[in-house]
């Protein structure tokens, strides 16, 4: 895609990296309380996955949620999960409704986590002509995170997106 078509991509990725780092540090230090934009937030636990099969089970369960099915018509379309070669970013393939997830980077399975999977799931629900990381995508991603991981996670993601200059909605 051209740069103009996905103008928010790098800002979205930067904001997401901040959020993933917050969750990683909270887990490592066993201190879940963080300060975000002047608010004290207790981060919920983010699910991590052991295998592609567990990612597939998770996605199937999310697609089966009544509120997801009633919110996004694309929830009725089955998603397949596959390994992505290399350690680059996960991605969504709309033609085949496939989420490709890199399994390892060094000794870490960095992409086998809920925030990454929900990002790719938000792409699945996109309209055909929608900007890949545009405002509608970001709003959908924040909604998924807030409803599934928890409202605190949704707040943190929204705050980091706004702080990074990302257009939401």
C-alpha atoms as a PDB file:
ATOM      1  CA  UNK A   1       0.000   0.000   0.000  1.00  0.00           C
ATOM      2  CA  UNK A   2       1.110   3.515  -0.621  1.00  0.00           C
ATOM      3  CA  UNK A   3       2.228   5.734   2.206  1.00  0.00           C
ATOM      4  CA  UNK A   4      -0.751   8.106   1.790  1.00  0.00           C
ATOM      5  CA  UNK A   5      -3.234   5.243   2.022  1.00  0.00           C
ATOM      6  CA  UNK A   6      -1.868   3.987   5.360  1.00  0.00           C
ATOM      7  CA  UNK A   7      -0.622   7.251   6.814  1.00  0.00           C
ATOM      8  CA  UNK A   8      -1.184   6.233  10.449  1.00  0.00           C
ATOM      9  CA  UNK A   9       0.613   2.893  10.281  1.00  0.00           C
ATOM     10  CA  UNK A  10       3.824   3.880  12.024  1.00  0.00           C
ATOM     11  CA  UNK A  11       2.041   5.953  14.698  1.00  0.00           C
ATOM     12  CA  UNK A  12      -0.323   3.045  15.411  1.00  0.00           C
ATOM     13  CA  UNK A  13       2.612   0.624  15.702  1.00  0.00           C
ATOM     14  CA  UNK A  14       4.501   3.033  17.968  1.00  0.00           C
ATOM     15  CA  UNK A  15       1.515   3.411  20.288  1.00  0.00           C
ATOM     16  CA  UNK A  16       0.983  -0.351  20.353  1.00  0.00           C
ATOM     17  CA  UNK A  17       4.623  -0.926  21.226  1.00  0.00           C
ATOM     18  CA  UNK A  18       4.256   1.418  24.209  1.00  0.00           C
ATOM     19  CA  UNK A  19       1.216  -0.519  25.400  1.00  0.00           C
ATOM     20  CA  UNK A  20       2.860  -3.919  24.928  1.00  0.00           C
ATOM     21  CA  UNK A  21       5.895  -2.682  26.857  1.00  0.00           C
ATOM     22  CA  UNK A  22       3.656  -1.516  29.705  1.00  0.00           C
ATOM     23  CA  UNK A  23       2.027  -4.949  29.865  1.00  0.00           C
ATOM     24  CA  UNK A  24       5.395  -6.728  29.649  1.00  0.00           C
ATOM     25  CA  UNK A  25       6.886  -4.676  32.473  1.00  0.00           C
ATOM     26  CA  UNK A  26       3.802  -5.105  34.630  1.00  0.00           C
ATOM     27  CA  UNK A  27       4.112  -8.870  34.199  1.00  0.00           C
ATOM     28  CA  UNK A  28       7.891  -8.966  34.748  1.00  0.00           C
ATOM     29  CA  UNK A  29       7.773  -6.812  37.867  1.00  0.00           C
ATOM     30  CA  UNK A  30       4.461  -8.163  39.144  1.00  0.00           C
ATOM     31  CA  UNK A  31       3.300  -4.571  39.574  1.00  0.00           C
ATOM     32  CA  UNK A  32       0.126  -4.013  37.586  1.00  0.00           C
ATOM     33  CA  UNK A  33      -0.587  -0.428  38.693  1.00  0.00           C
ATOM     34  CA  UNK A  34       0.617   2.224  36.225  1.00  0.00           C
ATOM     35  CA  UNK A  35       0.196   5.969  35.771  1.00  0.00           C
ATOM     36  CA  UNK A  36      -1.350   6.917  32.428  1.00  0.00           C
ATOM     37  CA  UNK A  37      -2.198  10.504  31.532  1.00  0.00           C
ATOM     38  CA  UNK A  38      -2.642  11.413  35.197  1.00  0.00           C
ATOM     39  CA  UNK A  39      -4.781   8.376  36.034  1.00  0.00           C
ATOM     40  CA  UNK A  40      -3.757   5.404  38.116  1.00  0.00           C
ATOM     41  CA  UNK A  41      -4.712   2.230  36.245  1.00  0.00           C
ATOM     42  CA  UNK A  42      -4.463  -1.423  37.237  1.00  0.00           C
ATOM     43  CA  UNK A  43      -3.615  -3.333  34.077  1.00  0.00           C
ATOM     44  CA  UNK A  44      -5.561  -6.541  33.531  1.00  0.00           C
ATOM     45  CA  UNK A  45      -3.739  -9.725  32.620  1.00  0.00           C
ATOM     46  CA  UNK A  46      -3.111 -10.106  28.894  1.00  0.00           C
ATOM     47  CA  UNK A  47      -3.467 -13.653  27.596  1.00  0.00           C
ATOM     48  CA  UNK A  48      -0.401 -15.249  26.033  1.00  0.00           C
ATOM     49  CA  UNK A  49      -0.626 -18.215  23.707  1.00  0.00           C
ATOM     50  CA  UNK A  50       1.474 -21.365  23.630  1.00  0.00           C
ATOM     51  CA  UNK A  51       0.737 -22.403  20.058  1.00  0.00           C
ATOM     52  CA  UNK A  52      -1.072 -21.576  16.842  1.00  0.00           C
ATOM     53  CA  UNK A  53      -3.793 -23.973  17.939  1.00  0.00           C
ATOM     54  CA  UNK A  54      -4.415 -21.912  21.091  1.00  0.00           C
ATOM     55  CA  UNK A  55      -4.558 -18.721  18.980  1.00  0.00           C
ATOM     56  CA  UNK A  56      -7.092 -20.413  16.681  1.00  0.00           C
ATOM     57  CA  UNK A  57      -9.210 -21.521  19.663  1.00  0.00           C
ATOM     58  CA  UNK A  58      -9.134 -17.965  21.052  1.00  0.00           C
ATOM     59  CA  UNK A  59     -10.153 -16.390  17.724  1.00  0.00           C
ATOM     60  CA  UNK A  60     -12.972 -18.889  17.279  1.00  0.00           C
ATOM     61  CA  UNK A  61     -14.236 -18.019  20.769  1.00  0.00           C
ATOM     62  CA  UNK A  62     -14.104 -14.264  20.089  1.00  0.00           C
ATOM     63  CA  UNK A  63     -15.941 -14.668  16.775  1.00  0.00           C
ATOM     64  CA  UNK A  64     -18.640 -16.659  18.594  1.00  0.00           C
ATOM     65  CA  UNK A  65     -19.373 -13.863  21.082  1.00  0.00           C
ATOM     66  CA  UNK A  66     -22.900 -12.504  20.524  1.00  0.00           C
ATOM     67  CA  UNK A  67     -21.845  -8.848  20.764  1.00  0.00           C
ATOM     68  CA  UNK A  68     -19.029  -9.395  18.244  1.00  0.00           C
ATOM     69  CA  UNK A  69     -21.384 -11.116  15.793  1.00  0.00           C
ATOM     70  CA  UNK A  70     -23.985  -8.351  16.130  1.00  0.00           C
ATOM     71  CA  UNK A  71     -21.409  -5.562  15.804  1.00  0.00           C
ATOM     72  CA  UNK A  72     -19.393  -6.794  12.815  1.00  0.00           C
ATOM     73  CA  UNK A  73     -20.908  -8.864   9.985  1.00  0.00           C
ATOM     74  CA  UNK A  74     -17.430 -10.259   9.217  1.00  0.00           C
ATOM     75  CA  UNK A  75     -17.606 -12.276  12.431  1.00  0.00           C
ATOM     76  CA  UNK A  76     -19.461 -14.997  10.534  1.00  0.00           C
ATOM     77  CA  UNK A  77     -16.455 -15.551   8.252  1.00  0.00           C
ATOM     78  CA  UNK A  78     -14.066 -18.215   9.562  1.00  0.00           C
ATOM     79  CA  UNK A  79     -10.491 -17.114  10.211  1.00  0.00           C
ATOM     80  CA  UNK A  80      -7.506 -19.412   9.795  1.00  0.00           C
ATOM     81  CA  UNK A  81      -4.284 -18.964  11.744  1.00  0.00           C
ATOM     82  CA  UNK A  82      -0.931 -19.942  10.267  1.00  0.00           C
ATOM     83  CA  UNK A  83       2.722 -19.512  11.162  1.00  0.00           C
ATOM     84  CA  UNK A  84       4.535 -16.666   9.473  1.00  0.00           C
ATOM     85  CA  UNK A  85       8.138 -17.240   8.543  1.00  0.00           C
ATOM     86  CA  UNK A  86      10.687 -14.911  10.078  1.00  0.00           C
ATOM     87  CA  UNK A  87      10.192 -12.676  13.073  1.00  0.00           C
ATOM     88  CA  UNK A  88       8.438  -9.738  11.419  1.00  0.00           C
ATOM     89  CA  UNK A  89       5.046  -8.396  12.336  1.00  0.00           C
ATOM     90  CA  UNK A  90       1.927 -10.515  12.323  1.00  0.00           C
ATOM     91  CA  UNK A  91      -0.436  -9.706   9.482  1.00  0.00           C
ATOM     92  CA  UNK A  92      -3.925 -10.351   8.182  1.00  0.00           C
ATOM     93  CA  UNK A  93      -4.580 -11.715   4.688  1.00  0.00           C
ATOM     94  CA  UNK A  94      -8.086 -10.577   3.679  1.00  0.00           C
ATOM     95  CA  UNK A  95      -8.389 -12.746   0.550  1.00  0.00           C
ATOM     96  CA  UNK A  96      -8.146 -15.937   2.598  1.00  0.00           C
ATOM     97  CA  UNK A  97      -9.210 -14.579   6.025  1.00  0.00           C
ATOM     98  CA  UNK A  98      -5.887 -15.738   7.467  1.00  0.00           C
ATOM     99  CA  UNK A  99      -3.884 -14.360  10.356  1.00  0.00           C
ATOM    100  CA  UNK A 100      -0.169 -15.055   9.955  1.00  0.00           C
ATOM    101  CA  UNK A 101       1.754 -14.994  13.231  1.00  0.00           C
ATOM    102  CA  UNK A 102       5.542 -15.205  13.601  1.00  0.00           C
ATOM    103  CA  UNK A 103       6.288 -17.824  16.227  1.00  0.00           C
ATOM    104  CA  UNK A 104       9.629 -16.653  17.562  1.00  0.00           C
ATOM    105  CA  UNK A 105      12.067 -13.783  17.678  1.00  0.00           C
ATOM    106  CA  UNK A 106      15.164 -15.075  19.387  1.00  0.00           C
ATOM    107  CA  UNK A 107      13.786 -17.086  22.284  1.00  0.00           C
ATOM    108  CA  UNK A 108      10.576 -15.056  22.586  1.00  0.00           C
ATOM    109  CA  UNK A 109       7.215 -15.758  21.037  1.00  0.00           C
ATOM    110  CA  UNK A 110       6.464 -12.008  21.037  1.00  0.00           C
ATOM    111  CA  UNK A 111       3.450 -12.171  18.703  1.00  0.00           C
ATOM    112  CA  UNK A 112       1.638 -14.984  20.518  1.00  0.00           C
ATOM    113  CA  UNK A 113      -0.239 -12.509  22.681  1.00  0.00           C
ATOM    114  CA  UNK A 114      -3.717 -11.096  22.933  1.00  0.00           C
ATOM    115  CA  UNK A 115      -2.905  -7.510  21.867  1.00  0.00           C
ATOM    116  CA  UNK A 116      -1.349  -8.704  18.600  1.00  0.00           C
ATOM    117  CA  UNK A 117      -4.156 -11.149  17.849  1.00  0.00           C
ATOM    118  CA  UNK A 118      -6.846  -8.523  18.502  1.00  0.00           C
ATOM    119  CA  UNK A 119      -5.008  -6.075  16.192  1.00  0.00           C
ATOM    120  CA  UNK A 120      -5.194  -8.630  13.383  1.00  0.00           C
ATOM    121  CA  UNK A 121      -8.801  -9.462  14.213  1.00  0.00           C
ATOM    122  CA  UNK A 122      -9.659  -5.749  13.890  1.00  0.00           C
ATOM    123  CA  UNK A 123      -8.346  -5.952  10.305  1.00  0.00           C
ATOM    124  CA  UNK A 124     -10.695  -8.882   9.655  1.00  0.00           C
ATOM    125  CA  UNK A 125     -13.705  -6.663  10.393  1.00  0.00           C
ATOM    126  CA  UNK A 126     -12.613  -3.856   8.039  1.00  0.00           C
ATOM    127  CA  UNK A 127     -14.728  -2.599   5.175  1.00  0.00           C
ATOM    128  CA  UNK A 128     -13.268  -3.296   1.745  1.00  0.00           C
ATOM    129  CA  UNK A 129     -12.238   0.306   0.977  1.00  0.00           C
ATOM    130  CA  UNK A 130     -11.152   1.252   4.490  1.00  0.00           C
ATOM    131  CA  UNK A 131      -7.670   2.606   5.209  1.00  0.00           C
ATOM    132  CA  UNK A 132      -5.646  -0.207   6.726  1.00  0.00           C
ATOM    133  CA  UNK A 133      -4.728   1.616   9.962  1.00  0.00           C
ATOM    134  CA  UNK A 134      -7.215   4.470   9.662  1.00  0.00           C
ATOM    135  CA  UNK A 135      -9.530   5.862  12.304  1.00  0.00           C
ATOM    136  CA  UNK A 136     -12.217   3.181  11.884  1.00  0.00           C
ATOM    137  CA  UNK A 137      -9.639   0.420  12.324  1.00  0.00           C
ATOM    138  CA  UNK A 138      -8.203   2.073  15.454  1.00  0.00           C
ATOM    139  CA  UNK A 139     -11.660   2.534  16.973  1.00  0.00           C
ATOM    140  CA  UNK A 140     -12.500  -1.124  16.291  1.00  0.00           C
ATOM    141  CA  UNK A 141      -9.186  -2.291  17.770  1.00  0.00           C
ATOM    142  CA  UNK A 142      -9.670  -0.224  20.932  1.00  0.00           C
ATOM    143  CA  UNK A 143     -13.223  -1.585  21.261  1.00  0.00           C
ATOM    144  CA  UNK A 144     -11.991  -5.181  21.003  1.00  0.00           C
ATOM    145  CA  UNK A 145      -9.216  -4.580  23.547  1.00  0.00           C
ATOM    146  CA  UNK A 146     -11.526  -2.747  25.950  1.00  0.00           C
ATOM    147  CA  UNK A 147     -14.283  -5.353  25.798  1.00  0.00           C
ATOM    148  CA  UNK A 148     -12.110  -8.477  25.752  1.00  0.00           C
ATOM    149  CA  UNK A 149      -8.951  -7.701  27.732  1.00  0.00           C
ATOM    150  CA  UNK A 150     -10.646  -5.103  29.905  1.00  0.00           C
ATOM    151  CA  UNK A 151     -11.723  -1.476  30.027  1.00  0.00           C
ATOM    152  CA  UNK A 152      -8.421  -0.471  31.626  1.00  0.00           C
ATOM    153  CA  UNK A 153      -6.515  -1.948  28.680  1.00  0.00           C
ATOM    154  CA  UNK A 154      -8.834  -0.127  26.284  1.00  0.00           C
ATOM    155  CA  UNK A 155      -8.217   3.138  28.146  1.00  0.00           C
ATOM    156  CA  UNK A 156      -4.438   2.686  28.033  1.00  0.00           C
ATOM    157  CA  UNK A 157      -4.505   1.836  24.309  1.00  0.00           C
ATOM    158  CA  UNK A 158      -6.766   4.824  23.542  1.00  0.00           C
ATOM    159  CA  UNK A 159      -4.514   7.149  25.585  1.00  0.00           C
ATOM    160  CA  UNK A 160      -1.338   5.956  23.857  1.00  0.00           C
ATOM    161  CA  UNK A 161      -2.962   6.244  20.430  1.00  0.00           C
ATOM    162  CA  UNK A 162      -4.098   9.796  21.200  1.00  0.00           C
ATOM    163  CA  UNK A 163      -0.684  10.700  22.625  1.00  0.00           C
ATOM    164  CA  UNK A 164       0.926   9.390  19.425  1.00  0.00           C
ATOM    165  CA  UNK A 165      -1.339  11.570  17.275  1.00  0.00           C
ATOM    166  CA  UNK A 166      -3.397   8.692  15.915  1.00  0.00           C
ATOM    167  CA  UNK A 167      -6.860   9.587  14.596  1.00  0.00           C
ATOM    168  CA  UNK A 168      -9.536   7.444  16.253  1.00  0.00           C
ATOM    169  CA  UNK A 169     -12.934   6.907  14.628  1.00  0.00           C
END
